């Protein structure tokens, strides 16, 4: 049923071609859980890990990853509390970053890696890179920001009703209610449909979003959690995204001389959905700048 809804949206050739590159499903055993990953590209290529944003999931990268996998091993996964990953009793940027660092160690213990994260995932990628030292050679954030002061964190699962998942009676109803956070997006219908169909799951009470609502109530990223960058770092900023000049300048200053900023024009916060081809080409150019592997073009 979900597939039938998605197939009702016409897709351009480049999108269908990207999705035709079926990834390999792999499982990585970490100390606290087994992580289900999707992998594209040669097993011996330089490792690139794509980290999704808050309340999202790894399938946000399905149409992006193949365009980066020529000569590289591109990996996606669901952070704890997101997508098909198990829920936990508590969440923090520190625990997500630790998990990512462990994943990198398990997948590429002898080769430097590149971490790329969207929104919240970008902060997680920065923190993991900073804790991993020379094992991470490159980091890219996509419209990611940190808070200058922290809100009080929720403890436990006693959430108010407006922060709990509302079950929908049918998959069609849930699909129709799918919205990005923030809701403003320039994404094409076929991209949103693909992401939406992987954002919901069926329960005894109806169809609900996959992410744990405690993630939004509990996790906060603070300026104090960032230190000087230990590898070349690209801060991609959407011109109509969440970052303002003051916060971008603050992050640039904290990360130091190894960080630089690039602005993506005519783009909202959800860059992987709004401007996927432009994002792929921008990341490829950054790979060229840092000599991360040979590249070839993508057909459009």
Protein backbone atom coordinates (compact mmCIF):
# COMPACT_ATOMS: atom_id res chain seq x y z
CA UNK A 1 0.00 0.00 0.00
CA UNK A 2 2.78 2.47 0.90
CA UNK A 3 4.63 1.61 -2.30
CA UNK A 4 1.50 2.19 -4.36
CA UNK A 5 1.11 5.70 -2.93
CA UNK A 6 4.73 6.52 -3.70
CA UNK A 7 4.50 5.21 -7.27
CA UNK A 8 1.68 7.65 -8.01
CA UNK A 9 4.25 10.48 -8.17
CA UNK A 10 6.19 10.84 -11.42
CA UNK A 11 9.97 10.91 -10.94
CA UNK A 12 12.71 12.28 -13.22
CA UNK A 13 15.23 9.92 -14.75
CA UNK A 14 18.10 10.86 -12.44
CA UNK A 15 16.01 10.06 -9.36
CA UNK A 16 14.89 6.66 -10.65
CA UNK A 17 18.47 5.91 -11.68
CA UNK A 18 19.72 6.76 -8.21
CA UNK A 19 17.17 4.50 -6.53
CA UNK A 20 18.02 1.69 -8.94
CA UNK A 21 21.46 1.43 -7.33
CA UNK A 22 20.42 -1.08 -4.69
CA UNK A 23 22.60 -0.81 -1.58
CA UNK A 24 23.98 -3.69 0.42
CA UNK A 25 22.42 -4.17 3.85
CA UNK A 26 25.04 -4.73 6.54
CA UNK A 27 24.90 -5.07 10.31
CA UNK A 28 27.57 -3.64 12.57
CA UNK A 29 27.79 -4.87 16.15
CA UNK A 30 28.62 -2.10 18.61
CA UNK A 31 28.89 -2.48 22.40
CA UNK A 32 25.30 -1.34 23.04
CA UNK A 33 23.40 -2.39 19.89
CA UNK A 34 23.62 -3.79 16.39
CA UNK A 35 23.33 -1.05 13.77
CA UNK A 36 21.63 -1.80 10.44
CA UNK A 37 23.41 0.12 7.69
CA UNK A 38 22.93 0.57 3.96
CA UNK A 39 26.11 0.62 1.88
CA UNK A 40 26.97 1.75 -1.65
CA UNK A 41 30.27 1.58 -3.48
CA UNK A 42 33.39 -0.60 -3.21
CA UNK A 43 34.17 -2.18 0.15
CA UNK A 44 37.79 -1.00 -0.04
CA UNK A 45 36.96 2.61 -0.95
CA UNK A 46 37.38 5.56 1.43
CA UNK A 47 34.55 5.54 3.98
CA UNK A 48 31.89 8.26 3.83
CA UNK A 49 29.15 8.20 6.48
CA UNK A 50 25.96 10.22 5.89
CA UNK A 51 24.16 11.25 9.09
CA UNK A 52 20.49 12.24 8.91
CA UNK A 53 18.86 15.07 10.84
CA UNK A 54 16.62 15.09 13.90
CA UNK A 55 13.34 13.07 13.61
CA UNK A 56 14.49 11.93 10.14
CA UNK A 57 16.03 8.60 9.08
CA UNK A 58 18.65 7.12 6.80
CA UNK A 59 16.31 6.84 3.81
CA UNK A 60 16.62 10.64 3.38
CA UNK A 61 19.92 9.79 1.69
CA UNK A 62 18.70 7.13 -0.79
CA UNK A 63 18.82 9.49 -3.77
CA UNK A 64 22.04 11.19 -2.60
CA UNK A 65 24.31 8.29 -1.61
CA UNK A 66 24.67 6.67 -5.07
CA UNK A 67 25.91 9.97 -6.49
CA UNK A 68 28.77 9.99 -3.97
CA UNK A 69 29.70 6.31 -4.13
CA UNK A 70 31.92 6.23 -7.22
CA UNK A 71 35.19 5.01 -5.73
CA UNK A 72 33.98 5.46 -2.14
CA UNK A 73 32.16 3.31 0.41
CA UNK A 74 29.10 5.34 1.38
CA UNK A 75 27.19 4.31 4.49
CA UNK A 76 23.88 5.44 5.98
CA UNK A 77 22.29 4.36 9.26
CA UNK A 78 19.52 5.32 11.68
CA UNK A 79 20.64 7.11 14.83
CA UNK A 80 19.16 5.76 18.07
CA UNK A 81 15.52 6.80 18.40
CA UNK A 82 15.12 7.40 14.66
CA UNK A 83 13.84 5.37 11.73
CA UNK A 84 14.02 1.64 12.43
CA UNK A 85 16.57 1.99 15.25
CA UNK A 86 15.45 1.04 18.78
CA UNK A 87 14.21 3.66 21.22
CA UNK A 88 16.17 4.47 24.37
CA UNK A 89 15.40 5.92 27.78
CA UNK A 90 17.58 8.98 27.17
CA UNK A 91 19.17 10.81 24.24
CA UNK A 92 22.03 13.25 23.92
CA UNK A 93 24.34 14.58 21.25
CA UNK A 94 27.21 13.05 23.19
CA UNK A 95 25.73 9.53 22.94
CA UNK A 96 24.91 9.92 19.24
CA UNK A 97 28.45 11.17 18.53
CA UNK A 98 29.96 8.31 20.52
CA UNK A 99 27.89 5.83 18.55
CA UNK A 100 29.00 7.38 15.25
CA UNK A 101 32.67 7.30 16.31
CA UNK A 102 32.30 3.61 17.22
CA UNK A 103 30.65 2.91 13.86
CA UNK A 104 33.55 4.55 12.02
CA UNK A 105 36.06 2.53 14.05
CA UNK A 106 34.22 -0.70 13.22
CA UNK A 107 33.81 0.01 9.50
CA UNK A 108 37.17 1.60 8.71
CA UNK A 109 39.73 1.04 11.47
CA UNK A 110 42.73 1.54 9.19
CA UNK A 111 41.54 4.24 6.77
CA UNK A 112 40.58 7.88 7.37
CA UNK A 113 36.89 8.64 6.93
CA UNK A 114 34.60 11.50 5.93
CA UNK A 115 31.52 12.40 7.98
CA UNK A 116 28.64 14.34 6.40
CA UNK A 117 25.61 15.38 8.44
CA UNK A 118 22.41 17.31 7.80
CA UNK A 119 20.97 19.60 10.49
CA UNK A 120 21.29 17.83 13.87
CA UNK A 121 23.32 15.13 12.16
CA UNK A 122 25.92 17.72 11.22
CA UNK A 123 26.55 18.59 14.87
CA UNK A 124 26.78 14.88 15.69
CA UNK A 125 29.29 14.49 12.84
CA UNK A 126 31.40 17.40 14.12
CA UNK A 127 31.48 16.00 17.64
CA UNK A 128 32.37 12.52 16.39
CA UNK A 129 35.12 13.94 14.18
CA UNK A 130 36.58 15.89 17.10
CA UNK A 131 36.66 12.80 19.31
CA UNK A 132 38.09 10.54 16.59
CA UNK A 133 41.26 12.48 15.84
CA UNK A 134 43.13 11.38 12.72
CA UNK A 135 40.61 8.61 11.94
CA UNK A 136 38.31 11.29 10.44
CA UNK A 137 39.97 13.27 7.66
CA UNK A 138 37.05 15.47 6.60
CA UNK A 139 33.70 16.72 7.90
CA UNK A 140 30.80 18.44 6.14
CA UNK A 141 27.74 19.93 7.83
CA UNK A 142 24.56 20.85 5.97
CA UNK A 143 22.63 23.76 7.53
CA UNK A 144 23.58 22.62 11.03
CA UNK A 145 23.45 24.87 14.07
CA UNK A 146 24.07 24.77 17.81
CA UNK A 147 22.28 26.58 20.61
CA UNK A 148 23.98 29.32 22.60
CA UNK A 149 21.99 28.43 25.71
CA UNK A 150 20.21 25.26 26.70
CA UNK A 151 16.58 24.59 27.55
CA UNK A 152 15.78 22.34 30.46
CA UNK A 153 15.83 18.75 29.27
CA UNK A 154 12.90 16.43 29.73
CA UNK A 155 13.65 13.41 31.91
CA UNK A 156 11.62 10.24 31.41
CA UNK A 157 8.64 9.61 29.15
CA UNK A 158 6.00 11.72 30.89
CA UNK A 159 5.47 13.88 27.80
CA UNK A 160 2.52 16.24 27.31
CA UNK A 161 -0.12 15.06 24.85
CA UNK A 162 0.94 17.52 22.16
CA UNK A 163 4.42 15.93 22.07
CA UNK A 164 3.23 12.34 21.76
CA UNK A 165 2.61 10.55 18.46
CA UNK A 166 -0.97 10.68 17.26
CA UNK A 167 -1.94 7.40 15.54
CA UNK A 168 -3.59 7.64 12.13
CA UNK A 169 -6.27 5.15 11.12
CA UNK A 170 -4.95 4.49 7.63
CA UNK A 171 -1.62 4.69 5.87
CA UNK A 172 -3.14 7.20 3.44
CA UNK A 173 -4.05 9.52 6.31
CA UNK A 174 -0.57 9.30 7.81
CA UNK A 175 1.04 9.82 4.41
CA UNK A 176 -1.06 12.94 3.80
CA UNK A 177 -0.01 14.38 7.16
CA UNK A 178 3.72 14.04 6.55
CA UNK A 179 5.56 17.33 7.10
CA UNK A 180 9.22 18.22 7.35
CA UNK A 181 10.48 20.03 10.46
CA UNK A 182 10.60 22.97 9.91
CA UNK A 183 7.69 22.61 7.45
CA UNK A 184 9.01 24.95 4.75
CA UNK A 185 10.51 22.97 1.87
CA UNK A 186 11.07 23.27 -1.88
CA UNK A 187 11.28 19.50 -2.33
CA UNK A 188 9.59 17.89 -5.31
CA UNK A 189 6.62 15.62 -4.65
CA UNK A 190 8.47 12.44 -5.67
CA UNK A 191 11.27 13.15 -3.16
CA UNK A 192 8.85 13.88 -0.32
CA UNK A 193 6.82 10.78 -1.17
CA UNK A 194 9.88 8.56 -0.98
CA UNK A 195 10.93 9.98 2.39
CA UNK A 196 7.39 9.92 3.77
CA UNK A 197 6.77 6.25 3.02
CA UNK A 198 9.81 5.32 5.13
CA UNK A 199 8.80 7.64 7.98
CA UNK A 200 5.76 5.70 9.22
CA UNK A 201 5.10 2.29 10.75
CA UNK A 202 2.00 0.31 11.59
CA UNK A 203 1.08 -0.40 15.21
CA UNK A 204 -1.90 -2.00 16.92
CA UNK A 205 -3.39 1.47 17.36
CA UNK A 206 -2.79 2.71 13.84
CA UNK A 207 -0.02 4.29 11.76
CA UNK A 208 2.55 6.47 13.59
CA UNK A 209 5.83 8.24 12.89
CA UNK A 210 8.89 6.07 13.45
CA UNK A 211 10.98 8.52 15.48
CA UNK A 212 10.83 8.54 19.26
CA UNK A 213 9.05 11.76 20.39
CA UNK A 214 11.44 11.90 23.34
CA UNK A 215 14.19 12.87 20.89
CA UNK A 216 12.62 16.29 20.29
CA UNK A 217 11.86 16.87 23.96
CA UNK A 218 15.20 15.84 25.37
CA UNK A 219 18.23 16.34 23.13
CA UNK A 220 19.90 19.76 22.92
CA UNK A 221 23.14 20.81 21.20
CA UNK A 222 25.18 23.54 22.88
CA UNK A 223 28.08 25.75 21.85
CA UNK A 224 30.14 24.26 24.69
CA UNK A 225 30.07 20.87 22.94
CA UNK A 226 32.10 22.16 19.96
CA UNK A 227 35.86 22.64 19.98
CA UNK A 228 38.45 23.51 17.35
CA UNK A 229 38.14 21.37 14.23
CA UNK A 230 40.79 18.70 13.87
CA UNK A 231 40.21 18.11 10.14
CA UNK A 232 39.13 20.19 7.12
CA UNK A 233 35.50 21.10 7.75
CA UNK A 234 32.96 22.55 5.32
CA UNK A 235 29.94 24.34 6.79
CA UNK A 236 27.23 24.35 4.12
CA UNK A 237 24.57 26.95 4.79
CA UNK A 238 21.22 27.20 3.02
CA UNK A 239 20.44 30.81 2.14
CA UNK A 240 16.88 30.31 3.38
CA UNK A 241 17.74 27.85 6.15
CA UNK A 242 18.01 27.96 9.93
CA UNK A 243 21.41 29.62 10.24
CA UNK A 244 21.70 33.37 10.55
CA UNK A 245 24.90 35.37 10.06
CA UNK A 246 25.61 35.62 13.79
CA UNK A 247 25.34 31.90 14.49
CA UNK A 248 27.27 30.96 11.35
CA UNK A 249 30.07 33.34 12.35
CA UNK A 250 30.06 31.91 15.87
CA UNK A 251 30.40 28.34 14.61
CA UNK A 252 33.12 29.32 12.17
CA UNK A 253 35.03 31.01 14.96
CA UNK A 254 34.71 28.05 17.30
CA UNK A 255 35.89 25.55 14.71
CA UNK A 256 38.87 27.66 13.70
CA UNK A 257 41.09 27.87 10.60
CA UNK A 258 40.33 24.39 9.28
CA UNK A 259 36.67 25.33 8.79
CA UNK A 260 35.18 27.31 5.92
CA UNK A 261 31.64 28.27 4.96
CA UNK A 262 29.83 27.93 1.65
CA UNK A 263 26.29 29.15 0.95
CA UNK A 264 23.79 27.19 -1.14
CA UNK A 265 21.42 29.57 -2.92
CA UNK A 266 17.66 29.27 -3.44
CA UNK A 267 17.54 26.55 -0.83
CA UNK A 268 15.71 25.92 2.44
CA UNK A 269 16.87 23.98 5.49
CA UNK A 270 16.12 20.55 4.03
CA UNK A 271 18.93 20.64 1.47
CA UNK A 272 19.00 16.88 0.69
CA UNK A 273 15.34 17.14 -0.32
CA UNK A 274 15.22 20.67 -1.74
CA UNK A 275 18.38 20.67 -3.89
CA UNK A 276 19.69 17.10 -4.13
CA UNK A 277 21.65 17.44 -7.39
CA UNK A 278 23.25 20.69 -6.29
CA UNK A 279 24.19 19.08 -2.97
CA UNK A 280 25.79 16.10 -4.71
CA UNK A 281 27.85 18.36 -6.96
CA UNK A 282 28.89 20.57 -4.03
CA UNK A 283 30.06 17.58 -2.00
CA UNK A 284 31.89 16.17 -5.02
CA UNK A 285 33.69 19.47 -5.48
CA UNK A 286 34.69 19.36 -1.82
CA UNK A 287 35.98 15.82 -2.27
CA UNK A 288 38.07 17.08 -5.20
CA UNK A 289 39.39 19.91 -3.05
CA UNK A 290 40.49 17.42 -0.39
CA UNK A 291 41.41 14.61 -2.81
CA UNK A 292 38.99 12.06 -1.36
CA UNK A 293 38.70 9.83 -4.50
CA UNK A 294 38.26 10.00 -8.27
CA UNK A 295 34.90 11.28 -9.44
CA UNK A 296 32.70 10.83 -12.49
CA UNK A 297 29.57 12.68 -13.51
CA UNK A 298 25.94 11.92 -12.68
CA UNK A 299 23.34 11.84 -15.44
CA UNK A 300 20.41 14.21 -15.04
